[in-house]
Structures are given as C-alpha cells and as structure tokens.
Amino acid sequence: MTLSTYAEQVSHYSAVHARLMGVRPEPRVERAIIPPPPSPPKKRSKEDIRKADLARQRAKAAAKAAKRFKPASVLALKAMPFTKVEAHYAWENGPEMLPPPVPKWKQIVMEIAERERIPVGDLMADFREKHIVRARSEIFYRMRHECGLSYVEIGKRMGNRDHSTVIWGCRRHAEKLAGRE
C-alpha cells in the first residue's frame, strides 16, 4: 500500500484509528474544496445612503413617538359603556342600547390612523408629509369639537405639540370642511 499524498495518509490513519476505537470512519477526502473568494461589496450611491439614513431616522422618531402614546393601553381598550335609550322603535327586547355620543381621544386617533392607513407612531411624530399633516389636523379638529379638549391638552396628547400648531390644524381642517360643503 502506497500513500503518496498527505491527504491519503491522513485518511488512512483516521480510518485505522476509527477501526481500533470502534468509531465509524469519516468519508475519505479526495481533495479540499476551497470556497471562492467573496465578491467585493457593491458601492452604494449617495442617494441610497441618504435614503437609508432617512429611513433610520424616521424609524427612531416613530418608535419614540409611539412610546409616548403608550400603545399597550390603547390596544387594550375597555369596552365603551352603553347608555339606555328609550325609543318607540325599540325591537323585541325593550330599549335599544347605544354607545355614548362622545368618543374618547384615543379612539379618534386610532380610527383616523386605521382609515388613512397611517401608523399611530407617524401621527404622533414630527413627520410633515401632506397626508400625515392632513390626518393630524383632522384629529386636532375632532378632539377639539367632539371631546371638548383645550388646545394645550390636545397638543400634549398628540406628542407634546405647541398649542399654536393645534390651532393651525383645527383652522385648516375647518377650511377644508367649509370648502367641501
């Protein structure tokens, strides 16, 4: 038996060792497989780098704003209490059960976020895209007129905004409603 290469010697000795020790021999290695060298990383353009940085900043701001909103308490909303209303149109079982007419401010935020398909974190953060600003101004308007909150209270609940921002948003939405009618 001639063992001309180092690989053959190693393979033979490991097979003998395995037989003596009662272990299954490893398969013979004919030649070592060398993986190809890694390809150099693709050079990113300045635009790609800028977009990645903006996406990172946006995600940070949204996460920070979402923490202030405390989404765990919003998702675990308690059932709204029902008010009994005596009416002549009540069916079989007596008075009709209707929810109270004034919604909570968090329910308004969640409703508009769902309708506009905007994450709540984006509404609470300082993003200035048109569709987000429009939705935010509708929230300001509805919180003011349906919940009766002051401009300062609305600003605090919507991500520590200044009351003048809330006033501007309410006026803007009122103008939009007047133009629609």
Protein backbone atom coordinates (compact mmCIF):
# COMPACT_ATOMS: atom_id res chain seq x y z
CA MET A 1 0.00 0.00 0.00
CA THR A 2 1.46 3.31 -1.07
CA LEU A 3 0.30 6.57 0.41
CA SER A 4 1.67 9.18 -1.89
CA THR A 5 -0.16 12.29 -0.73
CA TYR A 6 -0.66 13.80 2.67
CA ALA A 7 -4.46 13.61 2.25
CA GLU A 8 -4.25 9.85 1.62
CA GLN A 9 -2.09 9.39 4.73
CA VAL A 10 -4.50 11.36 6.91
CA SER A 11 -7.47 9.47 5.53
CA HIS A 12 -5.79 6.07 6.09
CA TYR A 13 -4.67 6.87 9.64
CA SER A 14 -8.09 8.17 10.61
CA ALA A 15 -9.72 5.00 9.20
CA VAL A 16 -7.30 2.78 11.20
CA HIS A 17 -7.86 4.83 14.33
CA ALA A 18 -11.63 4.61 13.91
CA ARG A 19 -11.49 0.81 13.47
CA LEU A 20 -9.36 0.38 16.58
CA MET A 21 -11.52 2.71 18.70
CA GLY A 22 -14.83 1.36 17.42
CA VAL A 23 -15.94 4.57 15.74
CA ARG A 24 -17.33 4.83 12.24
CA PRO A 25 -14.69 6.13 9.84
CA GLU A 26 -15.16 9.53 8.26
CA PRO A 27 -15.52 9.56 4.49
CA ARG A 28 -12.32 9.85 2.52
CA VAL A 29 -11.34 13.31 1.43
CA GLU A 30 -10.02 13.29 -2.10
CA ARG A 31 -9.26 16.99 -2.24
CA ALA A 32 -10.03 20.05 -0.23
CA ILE A 33 -12.80 22.30 -1.53
CA ILE A 34 -11.77 25.92 -1.38
CA PRO A 35 -14.66 28.36 -1.38
CA PRO A 36 -14.50 31.15 -3.94
CA PRO A 37 -13.31 34.49 -2.60
CA PRO A 38 -16.16 36.78 -1.51
CA SER A 39 -17.25 39.31 -4.07
CA PRO A 40 -16.45 42.90 -3.19
CA PRO A 41 -19.39 44.80 -1.67
CA LYS A 42 -21.47 46.82 -4.10
CA LYS A 43 -20.71 50.51 -3.96
CA ARG A 44 -23.78 52.40 -2.75
CA SER A 45 -24.69 55.68 -4.32
CA LYS A 46 -25.09 58.85 -2.25
CA GLU A 47 -28.84 58.71 -2.86
CA ASP A 48 -29.05 55.16 -1.44
CA ILE A 49 -27.06 56.20 1.64
CA ARG A 50 -29.29 59.26 2.14
CA LYS A 51 -32.47 57.15 1.82
CA ALA A 52 -31.15 54.61 4.33
CA ASP A 53 -30.28 57.38 6.81
CA LEU A 54 -33.71 58.97 6.42
CA ALA A 55 -35.41 55.60 6.94
CA ARG A 56 -33.34 55.03 10.10
CA GLN A 57 -34.19 58.49 11.46
CA ARG A 58 -37.87 58.02 10.64
CA ALA A 59 -37.99 54.66 12.42
CA LYS A 60 -36.32 56.15 15.51
CA ALA A 61 -38.75 59.09 15.61
CA ALA A 62 -41.78 56.82 15.14
CA ALA A 63 -40.62 54.48 17.92
CA LYS A 64 -40.03 57.43 20.24
CA ALA A 65 -43.45 58.90 19.50
CA ALA A 66 -45.14 55.51 19.89
CA LYS A 67 -43.62 55.16 23.37
CA ARG A 68 -45.22 58.44 24.41
CA PHE A 69 -48.57 57.24 23.09
CA LYS A 70 -48.41 54.05 25.19
CA PRO A 71 -49.88 51.74 22.55
CA ALA A 72 -50.35 48.88 25.02
CA SER A 73 -53.07 50.82 26.81
CA VAL A 74 -54.67 51.78 23.50
CA LEU A 75 -54.82 48.24 22.21
CA ALA A 76 -56.36 47.05 25.45
CA LEU A 77 -59.26 49.49 25.20
CA LYS A 78 -62.05 48.76 27.60
CA ALA A 79 -65.49 48.25 26.16
CA MET A 80 -67.39 51.50 25.96
CA PRO A 81 -70.23 51.79 28.44
CA PHE A 82 -73.67 51.60 26.88
CA THR A 83 -76.41 54.13 27.51
CA LYS A 84 -80.03 53.08 27.68
CA VAL A 85 -82.24 54.96 25.27
CA GLU A 86 -85.99 54.58 25.45
CA ALA A 87 -87.36 54.83 21.92
CA HIS A 88 -90.52 53.92 20.10
CA TYR A 89 -88.51 51.96 17.50
CA ALA A 90 -87.03 49.57 20.07
CA TRP A 91 -87.29 45.95 18.96
CA GLU A 92 -88.22 42.75 20.75
CA ASN A 93 -86.23 43.06 23.95
CA GLY A 94 -87.06 46.58 25.04
CA PRO A 95 -84.88 49.69 24.92
CA GLU A 96 -82.15 49.96 22.29
CA MET A 97 -78.56 50.03 23.57
CA LEU A 98 -76.45 52.79 22.01
CA PRO A 99 -72.88 53.87 22.81
CA PRO A 100 -72.36 57.31 24.35
CA PRO A 101 -72.21 60.13 21.76
CA VAL A 102 -68.75 61.47 22.74
CA PRO A 103 -65.79 59.24 21.73
CA LYS A 104 -62.52 59.16 23.63
CA TRP A 105 -59.50 60.97 22.14
CA LYS A 106 -57.53 57.75 21.70
CA GLN A 107 -60.40 56.19 19.80
CA ILE A 108 -60.41 59.18 17.45
CA VAL A 109 -56.67 58.78 16.84
CA MET A 110 -57.00 55.03 16.24
CA GLU A 111 -60.00 55.50 13.94
CA ILE A 112 -58.27 58.07 11.72
CA ALA A 113 -54.99 56.10 11.70
CA GLU A 114 -56.85 52.99 10.57
CA ARG A 115 -58.91 54.81 7.95
CA GLU A 116 -55.91 56.65 6.46
CA ARG A 117 -53.61 53.60 6.87
CA ILE A 118 -51.02 55.60 8.80
CA PRO A 119 -49.21 54.12 11.82
CA VAL A 120 -50.08 55.85 15.09
CA GLY A 121 -46.37 56.48 15.67
CA ASP A 122 -46.20 58.51 12.46
CA LEU A 123 -49.16 60.64 13.56
CA MET A 124 -47.52 61.34 16.92
CA ALA A 125 -44.04 62.02 15.49
CA ASP A 126 -42.89 65.18 13.69
CA PHE A 127 -43.38 63.95 10.13
CA ARG A 128 -44.51 66.59 7.65
CA GLU A 129 -45.80 64.64 4.68
CA LYS A 130 -49.07 66.04 3.35
CA HIS A 131 -51.26 63.03 4.09
CA ILE A 132 -49.93 62.77 7.66
CA VAL A 133 -50.41 66.50 8.33
CA ARG A 134 -53.95 66.34 6.93
CA ALA A 135 -54.86 63.38 9.13
CA ARG A 136 -53.26 65.03 12.17
CA SER A 137 -55.24 68.25 11.62
CA GLU A 138 -58.46 66.22 11.40
CA ILE A 139 -57.56 64.62 14.73
CA PHE A 140 -56.97 68.06 16.26
CA TYR A 141 -60.35 69.29 14.96
CA ARG A 142 -62.29 66.25 16.14
CA MET A 143 -60.62 66.21 19.56
CA ARG A 144 -61.49 69.87 19.99
CA HIS A 145 -65.13 69.60 18.86
CA GLU A 146 -66.09 66.08 19.96
CA CYS A 147 -64.14 65.76 23.21
CA GLY A 148 -64.08 69.44 24.18
CA LEU A 149 -60.37 69.41 24.99
CA SER A 150 -58.36 72.64 25.10
CA TYR A 151 -55.66 73.34 22.52
CA VAL A 152 -52.94 72.82 25.13
CA GLU A 153 -54.38 69.44 26.21
CA ILE A 154 -54.65 68.30 22.59
CA GLY A 155 -51.04 69.36 21.96
CA LYS A 156 -49.79 67.41 24.98
CA ARG A 157 -51.67 64.27 23.97
CA MET A 158 -50.53 64.43 20.35
CA GLY A 159 -46.79 64.33 21.02
CA ASN A 160 -46.06 67.49 23.04
CA ARG A 161 -47.01 69.92 20.30
CA ASP A 162 -47.40 73.64 20.77
CA HIS A 163 -50.97 74.95 21.13
CA SER A 164 -50.46 77.19 18.09
CA THR A 165 -49.83 74.08 15.96
CA VAL A 166 -53.14 72.65 17.17
CA ILE A 167 -54.97 75.91 16.44
CA TRP A 168 -53.49 75.99 12.94
CA GLY A 169 -54.52 72.35 12.33
CA CYS A 170 -58.09 72.96 13.56
CA ARG A 171 -58.47 76.01 11.32
CA ARG A 172 -57.02 74.19 8.35
CA HIS A 173 -59.45 71.29 8.75
CA ALA A 174 -62.39 73.68 9.28
CA GLU A 175 -61.47 75.42 6.00
CA LYS A 176 -61.33 72.04 4.30
CA LEU A 177 -64.80 71.17 5.61
CA ALA A 178 -66.19 74.57 4.57
CA GLY A 179 -64.75 74.15 1.07
CA ARG A 180 -66.31 70.69 0.77
CA GLU A 181 -69.82 71.89 1.69
